[in-house]
Protein backbone atom coordinates (compact mmCIF):
# COMPACT_ATOMS: atom_id res chain seq x y z
CA UNK A 1 1.48 -3.59 29.33
CA UNK A 2 1.17 0.07 28.37
CA UNK A 3 -1.96 1.58 29.99
CA UNK A 4 -3.22 2.88 26.66
CA UNK A 5 -3.03 -0.58 25.12
CA UNK A 6 -4.86 -2.06 28.10
CA UNK A 7 -7.60 0.57 27.82
CA UNK A 8 -8.16 -0.02 24.12
CA UNK A 9 -8.16 -3.79 24.48
CA UNK A 10 -11.09 -3.40 26.85
CA UNK A 11 -13.05 -1.40 24.23
CA UNK A 12 -12.01 -3.24 21.07
CA UNK A 13 -15.00 -5.57 20.84
CA UNK A 14 -17.22 -2.94 19.21
CA UNK A 15 -14.60 -2.31 16.55
CA UNK A 16 -14.13 -6.00 15.86
CA UNK A 17 -17.87 -6.02 15.06
CA UNK A 18 -17.46 -2.99 12.79
CA UNK A 19 -14.49 -4.62 11.03
CA UNK A 20 -16.43 -7.83 10.41
CA UNK A 21 -19.43 -5.89 9.13
CA UNK A 22 -17.20 -4.04 6.65
CA UNK A 23 -15.59 -7.36 5.73
CA UNK A 24 -19.01 -8.85 4.99
CA UNK A 25 -19.89 -5.91 2.75
CA UNK A 26 -16.71 -5.24 0.72
CA UNK A 27 -16.62 -2.47 -1.88
CA UNK A 28 -14.19 -1.92 -4.74
CA UNK A 29 -12.16 1.23 -5.30
CA UNK A 30 -14.20 4.43 -5.67
CA UNK A 31 -17.33 2.42 -4.81
CA UNK A 32 -16.88 2.49 -1.00
CA UNK A 33 -20.20 4.24 -0.38
CA UNK A 34 -21.46 2.06 2.47
CA UNK A 35 -18.05 2.00 4.15
CA UNK A 36 -17.76 5.79 3.83
CA UNK A 37 -21.22 6.17 5.36
CA UNK A 38 -20.15 4.13 8.39
CA UNK A 39 -16.90 6.05 8.83
CA UNK A 40 -18.42 9.49 8.36
CA UNK A 41 -21.36 8.90 10.67
CA UNK A 42 -19.16 7.57 13.48
CA UNK A 43 -16.67 10.44 13.18
CA UNK A 44 -19.49 12.99 13.26
CA UNK A 45 -21.04 11.26 16.27
CA UNK A 46 -17.73 11.58 18.13
CA UNK A 47 -17.41 15.29 17.39
CA UNK A 48 -15.10 15.41 14.36
CA UNK A 49 -15.53 17.92 11.58
CA UNK A 50 -16.28 15.59 8.66
CA UNK A 51 -15.92 15.98 4.90
CA UNK A 52 -17.30 13.26 2.66
CA UNK A 53 -16.75 12.61 -1.02
CA UNK A 54 -13.18 13.92 -1.19
CA UNK A 55 -11.58 12.19 -4.16
CA UNK A 56 -14.92 10.46 -4.94
CA UNK A 57 -15.52 8.37 -1.80
CA UNK A 58 -12.83 9.58 0.60
CA UNK A 59 -13.63 10.79 4.10
CA UNK A 60 -11.65 13.18 6.30
CA UNK A 61 -12.32 13.78 9.98
CA UNK A 62 -10.67 16.74 11.70
CA UNK A 63 -10.34 17.17 15.46
CA UNK A 64 -8.84 20.30 17.03
CA UNK A 65 -7.73 20.56 20.63
CA UNK A 66 -5.92 23.23 22.59
CA UNK A 67 -3.82 25.99 21.09
CA UNK A 68 -1.08 23.93 19.47
CA UNK A 69 -0.23 24.73 15.87
CA UNK A 70 1.03 21.30 14.80
CA UNK A 71 -1.03 19.23 12.35
CA UNK A 72 -0.95 15.45 12.14
CA UNK A 73 -2.39 13.25 9.40
CA UNK A 74 -3.16 9.53 9.78
CA UNK A 75 -4.46 7.53 6.81
CA UNK A 76 -6.36 4.26 6.49
CA UNK A 77 -7.47 2.62 3.23
CA UNK A 78 -11.01 1.27 2.70
CA UNK A 79 -11.27 -0.62 -0.61
CA UNK A 80 -11.57 -4.35 -1.30
CA UNK A 81 -10.32 -6.56 -4.15
CA UNK A 82 -12.12 -8.12 -7.15
CA UNK A 83 -11.74 -11.74 -6.06
CA UNK A 84 -13.94 -14.45 -4.57
CA UNK A 85 -13.57 -15.22 -0.86
CA UNK A 86 -12.87 -18.78 0.27
CA UNK A 87 -12.49 -18.37 4.04
CA UNK A 88 -15.78 -19.98 5.06
CA UNK A 89 -16.08 -17.45 7.87
CA UNK A 90 -19.52 -16.51 9.23
CA UNK A 91 -18.82 -12.90 8.20
CA UNK A 92 -17.44 -13.78 4.75
CA UNK A 93 -18.23 -11.47 1.83
CA UNK A 94 -21.86 -11.39 0.76
CA UNK A 95 -20.86 -9.86 -2.59
CA UNK A 96 -19.73 -12.56 -5.08
CA UNK A 97 -16.35 -11.81 -6.60
CA UNK A 98 -15.42 -9.08 -4.10
CA UNK A 99 -13.55 -9.53 -0.80
CA UNK A 100 -11.35 -7.77 1.71
CA UNK A 101 -8.26 -9.79 0.87
CA UNK A 102 -5.74 -7.16 1.96
CA UNK A 103 -6.98 -6.12 5.40
CA UNK A 104 -8.22 -2.64 4.58
CA UNK A 105 -11.29 -3.43 6.68
CA UNK A 106 -8.93 -3.89 9.62
CA UNK A 107 -6.95 -0.74 8.88
CA UNK A 108 -10.21 1.22 8.91
CA UNK A 109 -11.32 -0.37 12.19
CA UNK A 110 -7.97 0.38 13.87
CA UNK A 111 -8.18 4.06 12.99
CA UNK A 112 -11.84 4.30 14.02
CA UNK A 113 -10.99 2.75 17.38
CA UNK A 114 -8.26 5.34 17.88
CA UNK A 115 -10.58 8.11 16.68
CA UNK A 116 -13.18 7.40 19.36
CA UNK A 117 -10.58 7.21 22.10
CA UNK A 118 -8.97 10.48 21.06
CA UNK A 119 -12.31 12.26 20.82
CA UNK A 120 -13.28 11.15 24.32
CA UNK A 121 -9.93 11.33 26.06
CA UNK A 122 -7.94 13.85 24.03
CA UNK A 123 -4.47 14.48 25.44
CA UNK A 124 -3.01 16.64 22.70
CA UNK A 125 -2.83 20.21 21.51
CA UNK A 126 -3.11 20.80 17.77
CA UNK A 127 -5.03 19.45 14.79
CA UNK A 128 -5.62 15.78 13.98
CA UNK A 129 -6.65 14.89 10.42
CA UNK A 130 -7.93 11.34 9.96
CA UNK A 131 -7.91 10.36 6.28
CA UNK A 132 -9.99 7.39 5.12
CA UNK A 133 -8.84 6.78 1.58
CA UNK A 134 -10.60 4.96 -1.27
CA UNK A 135 -9.07 2.92 -4.07
CA UNK A 136 -5.59 2.04 -2.88
CA UNK A 137 -5.57 -1.19 -4.89
CA UNK A 138 -4.03 0.05 -8.12
CA UNK A 139 -6.40 2.95 -8.75
CA UNK A 140 -4.45 5.71 -7.02
CA UNK A 141 -7.04 6.90 -4.52
CA UNK A 142 -4.37 8.80 -2.60
CA UNK A 143 -3.50 10.83 -5.66
CA UNK A 144 -7.19 11.44 -6.38
CA UNK A 145 -7.71 12.83 -2.87
CA UNK A 146 -4.64 15.04 -3.23
CA UNK A 147 -5.85 16.36 -6.58
CA UNK A 148 -9.15 17.18 -4.87
CA UNK A 149 -7.27 19.41 -2.42
CA UNK A 150 -6.58 17.08 0.51
CA UNK A 151 -3.48 18.87 1.80
CA UNK A 152 -4.78 22.30 0.83
CA UNK A 153 -7.88 21.82 2.96
CA UNK A 154 -6.21 19.74 5.65
CA UNK A 155 -2.53 20.74 5.88
CA UNK A 156 -0.34 18.21 7.67
CA UNK A 157 3.13 18.64 9.12
CA UNK A 158 3.55 14.86 8.98
CA UNK A 159 1.48 11.90 7.85
CA UNK A 160 1.48 8.25 8.86
CA UNK A 161 -0.18 5.00 7.75
CA UNK A 162 -0.03 1.30 8.63
CA UNK A 163 -0.51 -2.01 6.78
CA UNK A 164 -0.73 -5.54 8.09
CA UNK A 165 1.94 -8.12 7.15
CA UNK A 166 1.20 -11.87 7.22
CA UNK A 167 4.10 -14.07 8.21
CA UNK A 168 5.04 -11.86 11.18
CA UNK A 169 3.88 -12.28 14.77
CA UNK A 170 0.58 -10.47 15.37
CA UNK A 171 0.91 -7.03 16.88
CA UNK A 172 4.62 -6.74 16.10
CA UNK A 173 5.46 -3.37 14.54
CA UNK A 174 7.99 -2.97 11.74
CA UNK A 175 9.27 0.13 9.97
CA UNK A 176 12.34 1.43 8.19
CA UNK A 177 13.82 4.78 7.30
CA UNK A 178 14.23 5.56 3.60
CA UNK A 179 12.86 3.48 0.75
CA UNK A 180 10.42 0.99 2.28
CA UNK A 181 8.23 -0.14 -0.63
CA UNK A 182 8.88 -0.28 -4.35
CA UNK A 183 7.61 1.78 -7.22
CA UNK A 184 5.27 -0.06 -9.60
CA UNK A 185 5.13 0.67 -13.33
CA UNK A 186 3.10 -1.17 -15.95
CA UNK A 187 4.44 -1.62 -19.47
CA UNK A 188 2.59 -2.90 -22.54
CA UNK A 189 4.73 -3.87 -25.54
CA UNK A 190 2.88 -4.40 -28.81
CA UNK A 191 4.90 -6.13 -31.53
CA UNK A 192 3.64 -5.77 -35.11
CA UNK A 193 4.98 -8.20 -37.71
CA UNK A 194 3.74 -9.91 -40.84
CA UNK A 195 1.44 -12.88 -40.38
CA UNK A 196 1.49 -15.94 -42.56
CA UNK A 197 1.28 -19.71 -42.93
CA UNK A 198 3.28 -21.73 -40.42
CA UNK A 199 4.77 -23.73 -43.30
CA UNK A 200 6.25 -20.60 -44.92
CA UNK A 201 7.90 -18.65 -42.10
CA UNK A 202 10.33 -16.99 -44.53
CA UNK A 203 7.39 -15.02 -45.93
CA UNK A 204 6.43 -13.66 -42.50
CA UNK A 205 7.94 -11.47 -39.79
CA UNK A 206 7.17 -13.47 -36.69
CA UNK A 207 6.32 -11.37 -33.59
CA UNK A 208 6.21 -14.51 -31.43
CA UNK A 209 9.89 -15.24 -31.96
CA UNK A 210 10.71 -11.57 -31.43
CA UNK A 211 8.62 -11.55 -28.26
CA UNK A 212 10.30 -14.68 -26.93
CA UNK A 213 13.70 -13.09 -27.48
CA UNK A 214 12.57 -9.92 -25.75
CA UNK A 215 11.32 -11.89 -22.72
CA UNK A 216 14.75 -13.43 -22.28
CA UNK A 217 16.65 -10.24 -23.02
CA UNK A 218 14.65 -8.29 -20.44
CA UNK A 219 16.07 -10.50 -17.71
CA UNK A 220 19.53 -9.17 -18.47
CA UNK A 221 18.53 -5.66 -17.32
CA UNK A 222 18.41 -6.56 -13.65
CA UNK A 223 21.26 -9.05 -13.97
CA UNK A 224 23.67 -6.88 -15.96
CA UNK A 225 22.57 -3.22 -15.91
CA UNK A 226 21.35 -2.55 -12.37
CA UNK A 227 23.80 -2.24 -9.48
CA UNK A 228 23.76 -5.63 -7.67
CA UNK A 229 23.26 -3.81 -4.37
CA UNK A 230 20.02 -2.25 -5.64
CA UNK A 231 16.60 -3.89 -5.85
CA UNK A 232 14.82 -4.14 -9.19
CA UNK A 233 12.14 -6.37 -10.70
CA UNK A 234 11.19 -6.82 -14.35
CA UNK A 235 8.44 -9.42 -14.64
CA UNK A 236 6.66 -10.41 -17.85
CA UNK A 237 3.23 -11.29 -16.57
CA UNK A 238 1.51 -11.86 -19.90
CA UNK A 239 2.52 -12.88 -23.42
CA UNK A 240 -0.45 -12.94 -25.80
CA UNK A 241 -0.17 -14.01 -29.43
CA UNK A 242 -1.86 -16.26 -31.96
CA UNK A 243 -4.79 -18.64 -31.78
CA UNK A 244 -3.81 -21.82 -33.66
CA UNK A 245 -0.64 -23.76 -34.42
CA UNK A 246 -0.48 -23.31 -38.20
CA UNK A 247 -0.78 -19.53 -38.40
CA UNK A 248 2.00 -17.06 -37.66
CA UNK A 249 0.17 -14.13 -36.05
CA UNK A 250 0.71 -10.54 -37.12
CA UNK A 251 0.83 -9.25 -33.56
CA UNK A 252 2.07 -10.17 -30.09
CA UNK A 253 1.54 -8.32 -26.81
CA UNK A 254 3.73 -8.45 -23.70
CA UNK A 255 2.70 -6.98 -20.35
CA UNK A 256 5.34 -6.14 -17.75
CA UNK A 257 5.43 -5.24 -14.07
CA UNK A 258 8.51 -3.12 -13.29
CA UNK A 259 9.55 -2.29 -9.72
CA UNK A 260 12.40 -0.51 -7.97
CA UNK A 261 13.34 0.80 -4.52
CA UNK A 262 15.36 3.72 -5.85
CA UNK A 263 14.11 6.59 -8.01
CA UNK A 264 17.28 6.57 -10.14
CA UNK A 265 17.01 2.82 -10.72
CA UNK A 266 13.37 3.30 -11.69
CA UNK A 267 14.45 5.74 -14.41
CA UNK A 268 17.25 3.41 -15.48
CA UNK A 269 14.82 0.51 -15.90
CA UNK A 270 12.60 2.53 -18.21
CA UNK A 271 15.54 3.66 -20.32
CA UNK A 272 16.92 0.14 -20.70
CA UNK A 273 13.55 -1.45 -21.42
CA UNK A 274 12.82 1.06 -24.17
CA UNK A 275 16.26 0.68 -25.76
CA UNK A 276 16.38 -3.11 -25.51
CA UNK A 277 12.87 -3.67 -26.90
CA UNK A 278 13.47 -1.32 -29.84
CA UNK A 279 16.75 -3.03 -30.72
CA UNK A 280 15.37 -6.56 -30.37
CA UNK A 281 12.30 -5.75 -32.46
CA UNK A 282 14.42 -4.23 -35.21
CA UNK A 283 16.69 -7.26 -35.27
CA UNK A 284 13.71 -9.51 -35.96
CA UNK A 285 12.12 -7.26 -38.58
CA UNK A 286 9.09 -6.26 -36.50
CA UNK A 287 8.06 -2.96 -34.97
CA UNK A 288 7.42 -2.30 -31.30
CA UNK A 289 5.07 0.15 -29.61
CA UNK A 290 5.85 0.68 -25.93
CA UNK A 291 3.18 2.07 -23.63
CA UNK A 292 5.00 2.86 -20.39
CA UNK A 293 2.65 3.73 -17.53
CA UNK A 294 4.25 5.17 -14.42
CA UNK A 295 2.30 3.89 -11.43
CA UNK A 296 2.96 4.26 -7.73
CA UNK A 297 6.31 5.90 -6.85
CA UNK A 298 8.92 4.56 -4.43
CA UNK A 299 7.59 4.87 -0.87
CA UNK A 300 10.21 6.79 1.12
CA UNK A 301 9.93 7.24 4.90
CA UNK A 302 11.55 10.47 6.08
CA UNK A 303 14.21 10.33 8.84
CA UNK A 304 12.77 12.40 11.69
CA UNK A 305 9.23 11.09 11.31
CA UNK A 306 10.43 7.49 11.09
CA UNK A 307 12.53 7.94 14.21
CA UNK A 308 9.49 9.29 16.06
CA UNK A 309 7.36 6.41 14.75
CA UNK A 310 9.91 3.94 16.09
CA UNK A 311 10.15 5.73 19.42
CA UNK A 312 6.37 5.55 19.87
CA UNK A 313 6.35 1.86 18.91
CA UNK A 314 9.04 1.09 21.48
CA UNK A 315 7.21 3.03 24.17
CA UNK A 316 3.98 1.15 23.46
CA UNK A 317 5.26 -2.40 22.96
CA UNK A 318 8.88 -2.60 24.12
CA UNK A 319 11.96 -3.47 22.03
CA UNK A 320 11.14 -7.18 21.77
CA UNK A 321 8.11 -6.38 19.62
CA UNK A 322 9.51 -3.68 17.32
CA UNK A 323 11.91 -3.64 14.38
CA UNK A 324 12.88 -0.10 13.42
CA UNK A 325 14.89 -1.04 10.34
CA UNK A 326 12.98 -3.94 8.83
CA UNK A 327 13.75 -5.11 5.28
CA UNK A 328 11.98 -3.24 2.47
CA UNK A 329 9.09 -4.79 0.54
CA UNK A 330 8.90 -5.04 -3.26
CA UNK A 331 5.13 -4.49 -3.23
CA UNK A 332 3.89 -0.97 -3.92
CA UNK A 333 1.56 1.36 -2.05
CA UNK A 334 -0.08 4.59 -3.15
CA UNK A 335 0.58 6.20 0.24
CA UNK A 336 3.88 6.93 -1.53
CA UNK A 337 2.13 9.84 -3.29
CA UNK A 338 1.31 11.37 0.09
CA UNK A 339 4.87 10.88 1.32
CA UNK A 340 6.13 12.67 -1.79
CA UNK A 341 4.13 15.70 -0.62
CA UNK A 342 4.39 15.50 3.19
CA UNK A 343 7.06 14.03 5.52
CA UNK A 344 5.99 10.87 7.29
CA UNK A 345 6.27 7.15 7.82
CA UNK A 346 4.51 3.99 6.67
CA UNK A 347 4.57 1.13 9.19
CA UNK A 348 3.74 -2.57 9.08
CA UNK A 349 1.95 -4.62 11.75
CA UNK A 350 2.29 -8.40 11.91
CA UNK A 351 -0.89 -10.27 11.03
CA UNK A 352 0.20 -13.69 12.31
CA UNK A 353 2.31 -16.69 11.44
CA UNK A 354 1.40 -20.15 10.18
CA UNK A 355 -2.27 -21.15 10.39
CA UNK A 356 -3.00 -18.21 12.71
CA UNK A 357 -3.07 -15.30 10.28
CA UNK A 358 -0.15 -16.35 8.10
CA UNK A 359 -2.18 -16.50 4.88
CA UNK A 360 -0.75 -13.98 2.44
CA UNK A 361 -2.74 -10.93 1.36
CA UNK A 362 -4.49 -11.06 -2.04
CA UNK A 363 -5.31 -14.70 -1.29
CA UNK A 364 -8.93 -16.00 -1.18
CA UNK A 365 -8.24 -17.50 2.24
CA UNK A 366 -6.93 -14.31 3.87
CA UNK A 367 -8.49 -12.61 6.89
CA UNK A 368 -7.34 -9.69 9.03
CA UNK A 369 -6.26 -10.53 12.59
CA UNK A 370 -8.74 -8.80 14.91
CA UNK A 371 -6.19 -8.87 17.73
CA UNK A 372 -4.40 -6.08 15.88
CA UNK A 373 -7.27 -3.62 16.31
CA UNK A 374 -6.40 -2.50 19.87
CA UNK A 375 -2.66 -2.55 19.10
CA UNK A 376 -3.01 -0.38 16.00
CA UNK A 377 -5.49 1.93 17.73
CA UNK A 378 -3.25 2.35 20.76
CA UNK A 379 -0.33 3.12 18.48
CA UNK A 380 -2.25 5.85 16.64
CA UNK A 381 -3.50 7.36 19.90
CA UNK A 382 -0.01 7.43 21.44
CA UNK A 383 1.52 8.83 18.24
CA UNK A 384 -1.03 11.62 18.30
CA UNK A 385 -0.22 12.45 21.94
CA UNK A 386 3.52 12.47 21.24
CA UNK A 387 3.34 14.46 17.99
CA UNK A 388 0.72 17.06 18.87
CA UNK A 389 2.48 18.84 21.69
CA UNK A 390 3.35 22.48 22.19
CA UNK A 391 7.10 21.94 21.88
CA UNK A 392 9.13 19.96 19.30
CA UNK A 393 9.00 16.25 20.01
CA UNK A 394 12.19 14.41 20.99
CA UNK A 395 13.72 11.64 18.91
CA UNK A 396 15.99 9.18 20.68
CA UNK A 397 15.32 5.84 18.96
CA UNK A 398 18.29 3.71 17.84
CA UNK A 399 18.25 0.77 15.48
CA UNK A 400 20.32 -1.33 17.85
CA UNK A 401 17.76 -1.03 20.62
CA UNK A 402 14.84 -1.48 18.27
CA UNK A 403 16.17 -4.70 16.76
CA UNK A 404 16.31 -6.61 20.05
CA UNK A 405 14.91 -10.04 19.18
CA UNK A 406 11.61 -11.21 20.59
């Protein structure tokens, strides 16, 4: 076992308690006041320069050591989800309809554990910026912090973040160079027709029939327009029209989730959706208004930083517990905004398999695996030591070595 991992396992109990306290008191995006208070007070206690309220409820802790000029950023998210918890745990949410169903409580605890260790036993030369971000769950907290001057105030030469992944052995680290998580765009299609009596459809322009045709036609975009070797998703998540059986409604609304792992494919999807919907609507004698909302971009891990991230993972855990070119994930993540501005890497850490931590995120039965706290903290501490050095850091990782099976 790596000495750093052994050290942090011995001190993890306090951070398990902090994680469970945050879990019991979940807060939605841009409402993480209590969580921010905990983070800021602990960072200040350990000697970090602390800024609160960046991007509404974001917190940044800065630690400088030695004369090194390199600057490292590490980000953890803090927000919970608007859903009721059904775990039955003694530390389950005390706020009805709000729970930490994605493990952001654990991500925060991992980074806090690393923060204390680094403050007390710093073995680096440079500047460490710890970024505790609000509102990752669809509200773009990363972008809000950046608009508030995050990288102007706290310049970073590279930035890293980590998310837990159920269905993978706990503590196993996964990463990949290039596109790792998909973009996520939301599309609302409003079809306006002519309502009427169900018995006289020839006197109406039925938006339901037009909408049904559009739903089916949209499936042809991925099947027939996108390169088969590329990943794309066009999902119709809602189709809303009418109230009773004997009235043809005047309006129908479709809501789409559109995802891609390539920026060019993302543009192609928008172009095809707009063209196909307009043509289908015209063919049925209705009009279509398309509200196309660009959400989180494709998350792209940069080569050198991803190689370093893999090298650190292998040093900490050994090749049997690391995959340096794991498959991409179609879910989205607003850390992508930060990676569009600064080189870096987004990693995944296994949360457990089967009954032991295998429950998927965004599920009322989910809970973060506390065994990951010392692993994640040790990883951040070792990454900091390897990145913040006076000379350029070496990169020697290979995918073949990293993919050695457990």
